[in-house]
C-alpha cells in the first residue's frame, strides 16, 4: 500500500489524492486501507517515515568520504544534493506540521517521531565527523533547524497556482526562489556561523 501511495505522490500533490485510489491500484476493497491506517494522513506519514530513514542513510553515505575535512562547502553540497534529489520527501516534510501530524493516532505519531529522532542522531554523527569544527552537542539542533529550512523553503519555492501566477508580475518576481539554491545558501550560512 505504501508503494501505491508513493506512486500517487510522485505524480500528484497530496490534496489531489483520494485514499480510495490506493486500494484501487492494488485491486483491493476500498476499506482495506483503514485496516492498517487510521487516516490518509497516517498513510503518508508512514511514507515519510520510510523516506526519512532512507534519506538519513543516504546522507551518511554521502558525508562519509568527507570525514575530518572541515570542508563546509563539500558538506553543504552533499547535503543539498541528497535533499534536492528527494522531492517527495521535501513535499511531505512541508506538509508535516500543518497537515500530516493533524489527523494521526498517538502510536503513529510516536513511531514517526522515533524515526525522526534516529535520523537526526545518525545525520548529526555524520555531520560531526565531517566537520570537527562543530560543537558535537549543538549538532542535533542544527539538523532540526535544517529540517525546518527544508519545510519552509520547499513551501515557498512551490506556491499554489494562483500565487505562482501572481508572482509572474515583474514587480513580484523577486519573491520567487529556487529551492536548491536557497537551501544551499542557507545551510552554508548555518554551518559557517556554527564552526
N, C-alpha and C. Protein backbone atom coordinates (compact mmCIF):
# COMPACT_ATOMS: atom_id res chain seq x y z
N UNK A 1 0.82 -1.20 0.00
CA UNK A 1 0.00 0.00 0.00
C UNK A 1 0.86 1.27 0.00
N UNK A 2 1.97 1.21 0.74
CA UNK A 2 2.83 2.40 0.77
C UNK A 2 3.47 2.65 -0.59
N UNK A 3 3.78 1.58 -1.32
CA UNK A 3 4.33 1.77 -2.67
C UNK A 3 3.30 2.45 -3.57
N UNK A 4 2.04 2.05 -3.44
CA UNK A 4 0.97 2.69 -4.23
C UNK A 4 0.82 4.15 -3.84
N UNK A 5 0.92 4.44 -2.54
CA UNK A 5 0.83 5.83 -2.07
C UNK A 5 2.01 6.65 -2.59
N UNK A 6 3.20 6.03 -2.61
CA UNK A 6 4.39 6.72 -3.15
C UNK A 6 4.19 7.06 -4.62
N UNK A 7 3.70 6.09 -5.38
CA UNK A 7 3.47 6.32 -6.82
C UNK A 7 2.50 7.48 -7.04
N UNK A 8 1.45 7.51 -6.25
CA UNK A 8 0.47 8.60 -6.37
C UNK A 8 1.11 9.94 -6.02
N UNK A 9 1.89 9.96 -4.95
CA UNK A 9 2.52 11.19 -4.50
C UNK A 9 3.55 11.69 -5.52
N UNK A 10 4.16 10.78 -6.24
CA UNK A 10 5.17 11.16 -7.23
C UNK A 10 4.55 11.80 -8.47
N UNK A 11 3.24 11.60 -8.64
CA UNK A 11 2.60 12.14 -9.84
C UNK A 11 1.62 13.29 -9.56
N UNK A 12 1.22 13.44 -8.29
CA UNK A 12 0.25 14.49 -7.95
C UNK A 12 0.53 15.03 -6.56
N UNK A 13 -0.15 16.11 -6.24
CA UNK A 13 0.02 16.67 -4.90
C UNK A 13 -0.87 15.89 -3.91
N UNK A 14 -0.55 16.03 -2.66
CA UNK A 14 -1.29 15.36 -1.58
C UNK A 14 -2.78 15.67 -1.66
N UNK A 15 -3.11 16.93 -1.88
CA UNK A 15 -4.52 17.36 -1.91
C UNK A 15 -5.31 16.69 -3.02
N UNK A 16 -4.64 16.31 -4.09
CA UNK A 16 -5.32 15.72 -5.24
C UNK A 16 -5.52 14.21 -5.11
N UNK A 17 -4.97 13.60 -4.08
CA UNK A 17 -5.02 12.15 -3.92
C UNK A 17 -6.16 11.77 -2.99
N UNK A 18 -6.99 10.84 -3.44
CA UNK A 18 -8.06 10.29 -2.59
C UNK A 18 -7.59 8.94 -2.05
N UNK A 19 -7.90 8.65 -0.80
CA UNK A 19 -7.46 7.40 -0.17
C UNK A 19 -7.91 6.19 -0.98
N UNK A 20 -9.09 6.23 -1.57
CA UNK A 20 -9.63 5.08 -2.31
C UNK A 20 -8.74 4.68 -3.49
N UNK A 21 -7.92 5.64 -3.96
CA UNK A 21 -7.04 5.33 -5.09
C UNK A 21 -5.95 4.32 -4.72
N UNK A 22 -5.58 4.26 -3.45
CA UNK A 22 -4.53 3.33 -3.03
C UNK A 22 -4.98 1.89 -3.20
N UNK A 23 -6.11 1.47 -2.59
CA UNK A 23 -6.53 0.09 -2.81
C UNK A 23 -6.96 -0.18 -4.27
N UNK A 24 -7.49 0.85 -4.95
CA UNK A 24 -7.86 0.69 -6.36
C UNK A 24 -6.67 0.25 -7.19
N UNK A 25 -5.51 0.81 -6.92
CA UNK A 25 -4.29 0.46 -7.67
C UNK A 25 -3.86 -0.98 -7.42
N UNK A 26 -4.28 -1.51 -6.27
CA UNK A 26 -3.86 -2.86 -5.88
C UNK A 26 -4.96 -3.89 -6.08
N UNK A 27 -6.13 -3.43 -6.57
CA UNK A 27 -7.25 -4.35 -6.75
C UNK A 27 -7.86 -4.81 -5.44
N UNK A 28 -7.79 -3.98 -4.42
CA UNK A 28 -8.32 -4.31 -3.11
C UNK A 28 -9.60 -3.54 -2.82
N UNK A 29 -10.32 -3.97 -1.81
CA UNK A 29 -11.55 -3.28 -1.40
C UNK A 29 -11.20 -1.91 -0.84
N UNK A 30 -12.13 -0.97 -0.97
CA UNK A 30 -11.90 0.42 -0.56
C UNK A 30 -11.52 0.55 0.91
N UNK A 31 -12.12 -0.25 1.77
CA UNK A 31 -11.86 -0.12 3.20
C UNK A 31 -10.56 -0.74 3.68
N UNK A 32 -9.85 -1.40 2.78
CA UNK A 32 -8.62 -2.09 3.17
C UNK A 32 -7.60 -1.16 3.82
N UNK A 33 -7.47 0.04 3.32
CA UNK A 33 -6.50 0.99 3.86
C UNK A 33 -6.75 1.22 5.35
N UNK A 34 -8.02 1.28 5.73
CA UNK A 34 -8.35 1.60 7.12
C UNK A 34 -8.16 0.42 8.07
N UNK A 35 -7.83 -0.74 7.56
CA UNK A 35 -7.43 -1.84 8.44
C UNK A 35 -6.04 -1.59 9.01
N UNK A 36 -5.24 -0.86 8.27
CA UNK A 36 -3.84 -0.64 8.63
C UNK A 36 -3.53 0.79 9.05
N UNK A 37 -4.31 1.73 8.57
CA UNK A 37 -4.06 3.14 8.83
C UNK A 37 -5.35 3.82 9.26
N UNK A 38 -5.23 4.76 10.18
CA UNK A 38 -6.41 5.45 10.69
C UNK A 38 -6.91 6.58 9.81
N UNK A 39 -6.07 7.03 8.88
CA UNK A 39 -6.44 8.18 8.05
C UNK A 39 -5.50 8.28 6.85
N UNK A 40 -5.87 9.12 5.93
CA UNK A 40 -5.00 9.43 4.79
C UNK A 40 -3.67 9.99 5.30
N UNK A 41 -3.73 10.83 6.31
CA UNK A 41 -2.52 11.43 6.86
C UNK A 41 -1.58 10.36 7.41
N UNK A 42 -2.14 9.33 8.05
CA UNK A 42 -1.29 8.25 8.58
C UNK A 42 -0.61 7.47 7.46
N UNK A 43 -1.30 7.28 6.35
CA UNK A 43 -0.69 6.59 5.21
C UNK A 43 0.55 7.36 4.77
N UNK A 44 0.39 8.65 4.56
CA UNK A 44 1.50 9.44 4.04
C UNK A 44 2.55 9.76 5.10
N UNK A 45 2.17 9.74 6.37
CA UNK A 45 3.15 9.85 7.44
C UNK A 45 4.05 8.61 7.43
N UNK A 46 3.46 7.46 7.14
CA UNK A 46 4.24 6.22 7.04
C UNK A 46 5.17 6.25 5.83
N UNK A 47 4.70 6.84 4.73
CA UNK A 47 5.58 7.01 3.56
C UNK A 47 6.76 7.90 3.95
N UNK A 48 6.48 9.01 4.62
CA UNK A 48 7.54 9.92 5.04
C UNK A 48 8.47 9.24 6.03
N UNK A 49 7.94 8.43 6.92
CA UNK A 49 8.73 7.69 7.89
C UNK A 49 9.81 6.87 7.18
N UNK A 50 9.41 6.10 6.18
CA UNK A 50 10.37 5.28 5.44
C UNK A 50 11.31 6.14 4.60
N UNK A 51 10.77 7.16 3.95
CA UNK A 51 11.61 8.04 3.13
C UNK A 51 12.66 8.75 3.98
N UNK A 52 12.30 9.18 5.17
CA UNK A 52 13.23 9.88 6.05
C UNK A 52 14.36 8.96 6.51
N UNK A 53 14.04 7.72 6.82
CA UNK A 53 15.07 6.76 7.22
C UNK A 53 16.04 6.52 6.06
N UNK A 54 15.51 6.37 4.85
CA UNK A 54 16.37 6.18 3.67
C UNK A 54 17.24 7.41 3.41
N UNK A 55 16.65 8.57 3.57
CA UNK A 55 17.34 9.84 3.35
C UNK A 55 18.51 10.00 4.32
N UNK A 56 18.28 9.69 5.58
CA UNK A 56 19.35 9.80 6.58
C UNK A 56 20.50 8.86 6.21
N UNK A 57 20.17 7.65 5.79
CA UNK A 57 21.21 6.70 5.38
C UNK A 57 21.99 7.20 4.17
N UNK A 58 21.28 7.80 3.24
CA UNK A 58 21.93 8.34 2.04
C UNK A 58 22.85 9.51 2.41
N UNK A 59 22.43 10.35 3.33
CA UNK A 59 23.28 11.47 3.74
C UNK A 59 24.54 10.97 4.45
N UNK A 60 24.39 9.98 5.29
CA UNK A 60 25.55 9.41 5.99
C UNK A 60 26.55 8.88 4.96
N UNK A 61 26.06 8.17 3.97
CA UNK A 61 26.94 7.64 2.92
C UNK A 61 27.63 8.76 2.15
N UNK A 62 26.89 9.83 1.85
CA UNK A 62 27.45 10.95 1.10
C UNK A 62 28.49 11.72 1.92
N UNK A 63 28.32 11.75 3.24
CA UNK A 63 29.24 12.50 4.11
C UNK A 63 30.46 11.70 4.54
N UNK A 64 30.37 10.40 4.47
CA UNK A 64 31.47 9.53 4.95
C UNK A 64 32.83 9.91 4.33
N UNK A 65 32.91 10.13 3.00
CA UNK A 65 34.23 10.49 2.43
C UNK A 65 34.76 11.84 2.90
N UNK A 66 33.92 12.64 3.52
CA UNK A 66 34.32 13.98 3.97
C UNK A 66 34.74 14.00 5.44
N UNK A 67 34.80 12.83 6.06
CA UNK A 67 35.12 12.74 7.48
C UNK A 67 36.45 13.44 7.80
N UNK A 68 36.40 14.32 8.80
CA UNK A 68 37.58 15.02 9.28
C UNK A 68 38.07 16.17 8.42
N UNK A 69 37.37 16.49 7.35
CA UNK A 69 37.86 17.50 6.41
C UNK A 69 37.57 18.94 6.83
N UNK A 70 36.53 19.16 7.59
CA UNK A 70 36.08 20.52 7.92
C UNK A 70 35.78 21.32 6.65
N UNK A 71 35.38 20.62 5.60
CA UNK A 71 35.08 21.26 4.31
C UNK A 71 33.60 21.62 4.25
N UNK A 72 33.27 22.83 4.69
CA UNK A 72 31.88 23.26 4.77
C UNK A 72 31.23 23.25 3.38
N UNK A 73 31.97 23.68 2.37
CA UNK A 73 31.41 23.71 1.00
C UNK A 73 31.00 22.31 0.55
N UNK A 74 31.89 21.34 0.74
CA UNK A 74 31.61 19.97 0.29
C UNK A 74 30.47 19.35 1.08
N UNK A 75 30.42 19.61 2.38
CA UNK A 75 29.33 19.08 3.21
C UNK A 75 28.00 19.70 2.78
N UNK A 76 28.02 21.01 2.55
CA UNK A 76 26.80 21.70 2.10
C UNK A 76 26.34 21.15 0.76
N UNK A 77 27.26 20.94 -0.16
CA UNK A 77 26.92 20.40 -1.47
C UNK A 77 26.33 18.99 -1.35
N UNK A 78 26.94 18.15 -0.52
CA UNK A 78 26.46 16.77 -0.36
C UNK A 78 25.05 16.73 0.22
N UNK A 79 24.82 17.50 1.28
CA UNK A 79 23.51 17.50 1.92
C UNK A 79 22.45 18.09 0.99
N UNK A 80 22.80 19.18 0.32
CA UNK A 80 21.85 19.80 -0.60
C UNK A 80 21.50 18.85 -1.74
N UNK A 81 22.50 18.18 -2.31
CA UNK A 81 22.24 17.24 -3.41
C UNK A 81 21.32 16.10 -2.96
N UNK A 82 21.57 15.55 -1.78
CA UNK A 82 20.71 14.47 -1.26
C UNK A 82 19.27 14.96 -1.09
N UNK A 83 19.12 16.19 -0.67
CA UNK A 83 17.79 16.74 -0.38
C UNK A 83 17.03 17.07 -1.66
N UNK A 84 17.69 17.76 -2.58
CA UNK A 84 17.04 18.16 -3.84
C UNK A 84 16.63 16.93 -4.65
N UNK A 85 17.36 15.85 -4.50
CA UNK A 85 17.04 14.62 -5.24
C UNK A 85 15.81 13.90 -4.71
N UNK A 86 15.24 14.39 -3.62
CA UNK A 86 14.08 13.73 -2.99
C UNK A 86 12.89 14.68 -2.87
N UNK A 87 12.27 15.03 -4.01
CA UNK A 87 11.14 15.97 -3.95
C UNK A 87 9.94 15.45 -3.15
N UNK A 88 9.68 14.17 -3.20
CA UNK A 88 8.54 13.64 -2.42
C UNK A 88 8.79 13.84 -0.92
N UNK A 89 9.99 13.54 -0.47
CA UNK A 89 10.35 13.76 0.92
C UNK A 89 10.15 15.22 1.30
N UNK A 90 10.64 16.12 0.45
CA UNK A 90 10.52 17.56 0.74
C UNK A 90 9.06 17.99 0.79
N UNK A 91 8.27 17.50 -0.15
CA UNK A 91 6.85 17.85 -0.15
C UNK A 91 6.16 17.34 1.11
N UNK A 92 6.46 16.11 1.50
CA UNK A 92 5.83 15.57 2.71
C UNK A 92 6.32 16.30 3.97
N UNK A 93 7.61 16.67 4.00
CA UNK A 93 8.11 17.44 5.14
C UNK A 93 7.40 18.79 5.25
N UNK A 94 7.11 19.38 4.09
CA UNK A 94 6.41 20.67 4.09
C UNK A 94 4.97 20.52 4.60
N UNK A 95 4.38 19.35 4.39
CA UNK A 95 3.02 19.09 4.86
C UNK A 95 2.97 18.64 6.32
N UNK A 96 4.09 18.25 6.85
CA UNK A 96 4.13 17.62 8.17
C UNK A 96 3.47 18.43 9.28
N UNK A 97 3.89 19.65 9.55
CA UNK A 97 3.31 20.33 10.73
C UNK A 97 1.87 20.79 10.56
N UNK A 98 1.46 21.08 9.34
CA UNK A 98 0.12 21.64 9.15
C UNK A 98 -0.91 20.62 8.67
N UNK A 99 -0.47 19.48 8.14
CA UNK A 99 -1.41 18.51 7.59
C UNK A 99 -1.19 17.11 8.18
N UNK A 100 -0.03 16.54 7.96
CA UNK A 100 0.19 15.13 8.30
C UNK A 100 0.10 14.83 9.79
N UNK A 101 0.53 15.75 10.63
CA UNK A 101 0.50 15.48 12.07
C UNK A 101 -0.83 15.87 12.72
N UNK A 102 -1.79 16.31 11.93
CA UNK A 102 -3.06 16.79 12.49
C UNK A 102 -4.12 15.70 12.67
N UNK A 103 -4.01 14.60 11.95
CA UNK A 103 -5.06 13.59 11.98
C UNK A 103 -4.45 12.19 12.05
N UNK A 104 -3.58 12.00 13.07
CA UNK A 104 -2.94 10.70 13.24
C UNK A 104 -3.10 10.22 14.68
N UNK A 105 -2.99 8.92 14.85
CA UNK A 105 -3.09 8.34 16.19
C UNK A 105 -1.79 8.57 16.96
N UNK A 106 -1.87 8.43 18.26
CA UNK A 106 -0.66 8.58 19.08
C UNK A 106 0.39 7.53 18.73
N UNK A 107 0.01 6.25 18.51
CA UNK A 107 1.05 5.27 18.12
C UNK A 107 1.73 5.63 16.79
N UNK A 108 0.97 6.13 15.83
CA UNK A 108 1.57 6.52 14.55
C UNK A 108 2.50 7.71 14.75
N UNK A 109 2.09 8.66 15.56
CA UNK A 109 2.93 9.83 15.85
C UNK A 109 4.21 9.40 16.57
N UNK A 110 4.08 8.49 17.53
CA UNK A 110 5.24 8.01 18.27
C UNK A 110 6.21 7.30 17.34
N UNK A 111 5.69 6.44 16.48
CA UNK A 111 6.55 5.73 15.52
C UNK A 111 7.30 6.71 14.64
N UNK A 112 6.60 7.70 14.14
CA UNK A 112 7.24 8.67 13.26
C UNK A 112 8.30 9.48 14.01
N UNK A 113 7.98 9.97 15.19
CA UNK A 113 8.94 10.78 15.95
C UNK A 113 10.16 9.95 16.35
N UNK A 114 9.98 8.65 16.56
CA UNK A 114 11.11 7.76 16.83
C UNK A 114 12.04 7.71 15.62
N UNK A 115 11.46 7.62 14.43
CA UNK A 115 12.25 7.63 13.20
C UNK A 115 12.96 8.97 13.03
N UNK A 116 12.27 10.06 13.31
CA UNK A 116 12.88 11.39 13.21
C UNK A 116 14.08 11.49 14.15
N UNK A 117 13.91 11.04 15.39
CA UNK A 117 15.00 11.10 16.36
C UNK A 117 16.20 10.27 15.89
N UNK A 118 15.94 9.09 15.35
CA UNK A 118 17.03 8.24 14.86
C UNK A 118 17.72 8.88 13.66
N UNK A 119 16.95 9.49 12.77
CA UNK A 119 17.53 10.16 11.60
C UNK A 119 18.38 11.35 12.02
N UNK A 120 17.91 12.10 13.00
CA UNK A 120 18.68 13.25 13.49
C UNK A 120 19.98 12.77 14.14
N UNK A 121 19.90 11.72 14.92
CA UNK A 121 21.10 11.19 15.58
C UNK A 121 22.11 10.70 14.54
N UNK A 122 21.64 9.92 13.58
CA UNK A 122 22.51 9.36 12.54
C UNK A 122 23.15 10.47 11.71
N UNK A 123 22.36 11.44 11.31
CA UNK A 123 22.85 12.54 10.49
C UNK A 123 23.80 13.43 11.30
N UNK A 124 23.47 13.68 12.54
CA UNK A 124 24.31 14.51 13.40
C UNK A 124 25.70 13.91 13.56
N UNK A 125 25.77 12.61 13.74
CA UNK A 125 27.07 11.95 13.87
C UNK A 125 27.90 12.10 12.59
N UNK A 126 27.25 11.95 11.43
CA UNK A 126 27.96 12.07 10.16
C UNK A 126 28.43 13.51 9.92
N UNK A 127 27.59 14.48 10.25
CA UNK A 127 27.97 15.89 10.11
C UNK A 127 29.12 16.20 11.07
N UNK A 128 29.04 15.72 12.29
CA UNK A 128 30.11 15.94 13.27
C UNK A 128 31.43 15.33 12.84
N UNK A 129 31.37 14.15 12.22
CA UNK A 129 32.59 13.51 11.72
C UNK A 129 33.21 14.33 10.59
N UNK A 130 32.36 14.86 9.71
CA UNK A 130 32.84 15.64 8.57
C UNK A 130 33.32 17.03 8.98
N UNK A 131 32.68 17.59 9.99
CA UNK A 131 33.00 18.97 10.42
C UNK A 131 33.38 18.98 11.90
N UNK A 132 34.61 18.58 12.22
CA UNK A 132 35.04 18.59 13.63
C UNK A 132 35.01 19.98 14.26
N UNK A 133 34.91 21.03 13.42
CA UNK A 133 34.84 22.39 13.95
C UNK A 133 33.54 22.64 14.72
N UNK A 134 32.54 21.81 14.49
CA UNK A 134 31.24 21.99 15.16
C UNK A 134 31.27 21.42 16.56
N UNK A 135 30.53 22.05 17.46
CA UNK A 135 30.33 21.54 18.81
C UNK A 135 29.36 20.36 18.69
N UNK A 136 29.83 19.17 19.01
CA UNK A 136 29.01 17.95 18.85
C UNK A 136 27.66 18.06 19.55
N UNK A 137 27.63 18.68 20.70
CA UNK A 137 26.37 18.78 21.45
C UNK A 137 25.35 19.68 20.74
N UNK A 138 25.83 20.59 19.89
CA UNK A 138 24.93 21.54 19.22
C UNK A 138 24.44 21.02 17.86
N UNK A 139 25.03 19.95 17.36
CA UNK A 139 24.70 19.49 16.01
C UNK A 139 23.24 19.04 15.88
N UNK A 140 22.67 18.28 16.80
CA UNK A 140 21.26 17.90 16.62
C UNK A 140 20.33 19.11 16.43
N UNK A 141 20.58 20.20 17.14
CA UNK A 141 19.76 21.40 16.97
C UNK A 141 19.96 21.99 15.57
N UNK A 142 21.18 21.91 15.05
CA UNK A 142 21.44 22.38 13.68
C UNK A 142 20.67 21.53 12.67
N UNK A 143 20.63 20.23 12.89
CA UNK A 143 19.89 19.34 11.98
C UNK A 143 18.40 19.65 12.02
N UNK A 144 17.87 19.88 13.21
CA UNK A 144 16.46 20.26 13.34
C UNK A 144 16.20 21.57 12.60
N UNK A 145 17.11 22.53 12.73
CA UNK A 145 16.97 23.80 12.00
C UNK A 145 17.01 23.56 10.50
N UNK A 146 17.88 22.67 10.06
CA UNK A 146 17.96 22.34 8.64
C UNK A 146 16.63 21.75 8.15
N UNK A 147 16.05 20.83 8.91
CA UNK A 147 14.75 20.26 8.53
C UNK A 147 13.69 21.35 8.42
N UNK A 148 13.75 22.33 9.33
CA UNK A 148 12.81 23.45 9.26
C UNK A 148 13.03 24.28 8.01
N UNK A 149 14.30 24.44 7.61
CA UNK A 149 14.61 25.15 6.37
C UNK A 149 14.01 24.42 5.17
N UNK A 150 14.15 23.11 5.15
CA UNK A 150 13.58 22.32 4.05
C UNK A 150 12.08 22.56 3.97
N UNK A 151 11.41 22.48 5.11
CA UNK A 151 9.96 22.67 5.17
C UNK A 151 9.56 24.04 4.63
N UNK A 152 10.18 25.08 5.13
CA UNK A 152 9.81 26.43 4.72
C UNK A 152 10.20 26.77 3.30
N UNK A 153 11.41 26.39 2.91
CA UNK A 153 11.88 26.73 1.56
C UNK A 153 11.11 25.95 0.49
N UNK A 154 10.78 24.69 0.78
CA UNK A 154 10.01 23.92 -0.21
C UNK A 154 8.65 24.58 -0.45
N UNK A 155 8.00 24.95 0.63
CA UNK A 155 6.69 25.59 0.52
C UNK A 155 6.78 26.90 -0.25
N UNK A 156 7.78 27.70 0.05
CA UNK A 156 7.95 28.99 -0.62
C UNK A 156 8.30 28.82 -2.09
N UNK A 157 9.11 27.82 -2.41
CA UNK A 157 9.54 27.60 -3.80
C UNK A 157 8.47 26.93 -4.65
N UNK A 158 7.44 26.38 -4.02
CA UNK A 158 6.38 25.66 -4.73
C UNK A 158 5.01 26.19 -4.32
N UNK A 159 4.71 27.44 -4.65
CA UNK A 159 3.43 28.02 -4.25
C UNK A 159 2.27 27.43 -5.05
N UNK A 160 1.07 27.60 -4.53
CA UNK A 160 -0.12 27.18 -5.25
C UNK A 160 -0.23 27.98 -6.55
N UNK A 161 -1.02 27.47 -7.49
CA UNK A 161 -1.10 28.04 -8.83
C UNK A 161 -1.45 29.53 -8.84
N UNK A 162 -2.41 29.94 -8.04
CA UNK A 162 -2.81 31.35 -8.04
C UNK A 162 -1.68 32.26 -7.56
N UNK A 163 -0.95 31.79 -6.56
CA UNK A 163 0.18 32.57 -6.04
C UNK A 163 1.30 32.61 -7.07
N UNK A 164 1.58 31.49 -7.70
CA UNK A 164 2.62 31.44 -8.74
C UNK A 164 2.27 32.38 -9.88
N UNK A 165 1.01 32.41 -10.25
CA UNK A 165 0.55 33.29 -11.32
C UNK A 165 0.72 34.77 -10.93
N UNK A 166 0.38 35.09 -9.70
CA UNK A 166 0.53 36.47 -9.21
C UNK A 166 1.99 36.89 -9.22
N UNK A 167 2.88 35.96 -8.88
CA UNK A 167 4.31 36.28 -8.81
C UNK A 167 4.95 36.37 -10.19
N UNK A 168 4.19 36.09 -11.24
CA UNK A 168 4.70 36.28 -12.59
C UNK A 168 4.81 37.76 -12.93
N UNK A 169 4.12 38.59 -12.15
CA UNK A 169 4.23 40.04 -12.33
C UNK A 169 5.68 40.46 -12.07
N UNK A 170 6.27 41.27 -12.96
CA UNK A 170 7.67 41.67 -12.80
C UNK A 170 7.98 42.32 -11.44
N UNK A 171 7.03 43.02 -10.89
CA UNK A 171 7.24 43.65 -9.59
C UNK A 171 7.29 42.67 -8.43
N UNK A 172 6.81 41.46 -8.67
CA UNK A 172 6.80 40.43 -7.62
C UNK A 172 7.79 39.30 -7.90
N UNK A 173 8.49 39.38 -9.01
CA UNK A 173 9.39 38.30 -9.42
C UNK A 173 10.47 37.99 -8.39
N UNK A 174 10.87 38.99 -7.63
CA UNK A 174 11.92 38.77 -6.62
C UNK A 174 11.46 37.82 -5.51
N UNK A 175 10.16 37.59 -5.41
CA UNK A 175 9.63 36.67 -4.39
C UNK A 175 9.82 35.21 -4.77
N UNK A 176 10.08 34.93 -6.04
CA UNK A 176 10.31 33.55 -6.48
C UNK A 176 11.68 33.09 -5.98
N UNK A 177 11.72 31.88 -5.49
CA UNK A 177 13.01 31.34 -5.07
C UNK A 177 13.24 29.99 -5.72
N UNK A 178 14.50 29.67 -5.89
CA UNK A 178 14.92 28.35 -6.35
C UNK A 178 15.24 27.52 -5.10
N UNK A 179 14.55 26.42 -4.93
CA UNK A 179 14.69 25.61 -3.71
C UNK A 179 16.14 25.21 -3.46
N UNK A 180 16.79 24.62 -4.45
CA UNK A 180 18.16 24.13 -4.27
C UNK A 180 19.14 25.25 -3.95
N UNK A 181 19.05 26.34 -4.67
CA UNK A 181 19.97 27.46 -4.44
C UNK A 181 19.79 28.06 -3.05
N UNK A 182 18.56 28.27 -2.65
CA UNK A 182 18.30 28.85 -1.34
C UNK A 182 18.65 27.88 -0.21
N UNK A 183 18.40 26.60 -0.43
CA UNK A 183 18.75 25.61 0.59
C UNK A 183 20.26 25.57 0.78
N UNK A 184 20.99 25.57 -0.32
CA UNK A 184 22.45 25.56 -0.26
C UNK A 184 22.97 26.79 0.50
N UNK A 185 22.50 27.97 0.10
CA UNK A 185 22.97 29.20 0.73
C UNK A 185 22.63 29.25 2.22
N UNK A 186 21.43 28.80 2.57
CA UNK A 186 21.00 28.83 3.97
C UNK A 186 21.80 27.84 4.81
N UNK A 187 22.01 26.63 4.29
CA UNK A 187 22.76 25.62 5.03
C UNK A 187 24.22 26.05 5.18
N UNK A 188 24.78 26.59 4.12
CA UNK A 188 26.18 27.05 4.17
C UNK A 188 26.33 28.13 5.24
N UNK A 189 25.42 29.08 5.28
CA UNK A 189 25.49 30.14 6.29
C UNK A 189 25.32 29.57 7.69
N UNK A 190 24.43 28.62 7.85
CA UNK A 190 24.20 27.99 9.15
C UNK A 190 25.47 27.28 9.64
N UNK A 191 26.09 26.53 8.74
CA UNK A 191 27.30 25.79 9.13
C UNK A 191 28.48 26.74 9.36
N UNK A 192 28.67 27.72 8.50
CA UNK A 192 29.77 28.67 8.68
C UNK A 192 29.62 29.44 9.99
N UNK A 193 28.40 29.80 10.32
CA UNK A 193 28.16 30.55 11.54
C UNK A 193 28.31 29.69 12.79
N UNK A 194 28.34 28.38 12.62
CA UNK A 194 28.40 27.47 13.77
C UNK A 194 29.79 26.87 13.98
N UNK A 195 30.65 26.99 12.97
CA UNK A 195 32.02 26.43 13.10
C UNK A 195 32.96 27.44 13.73
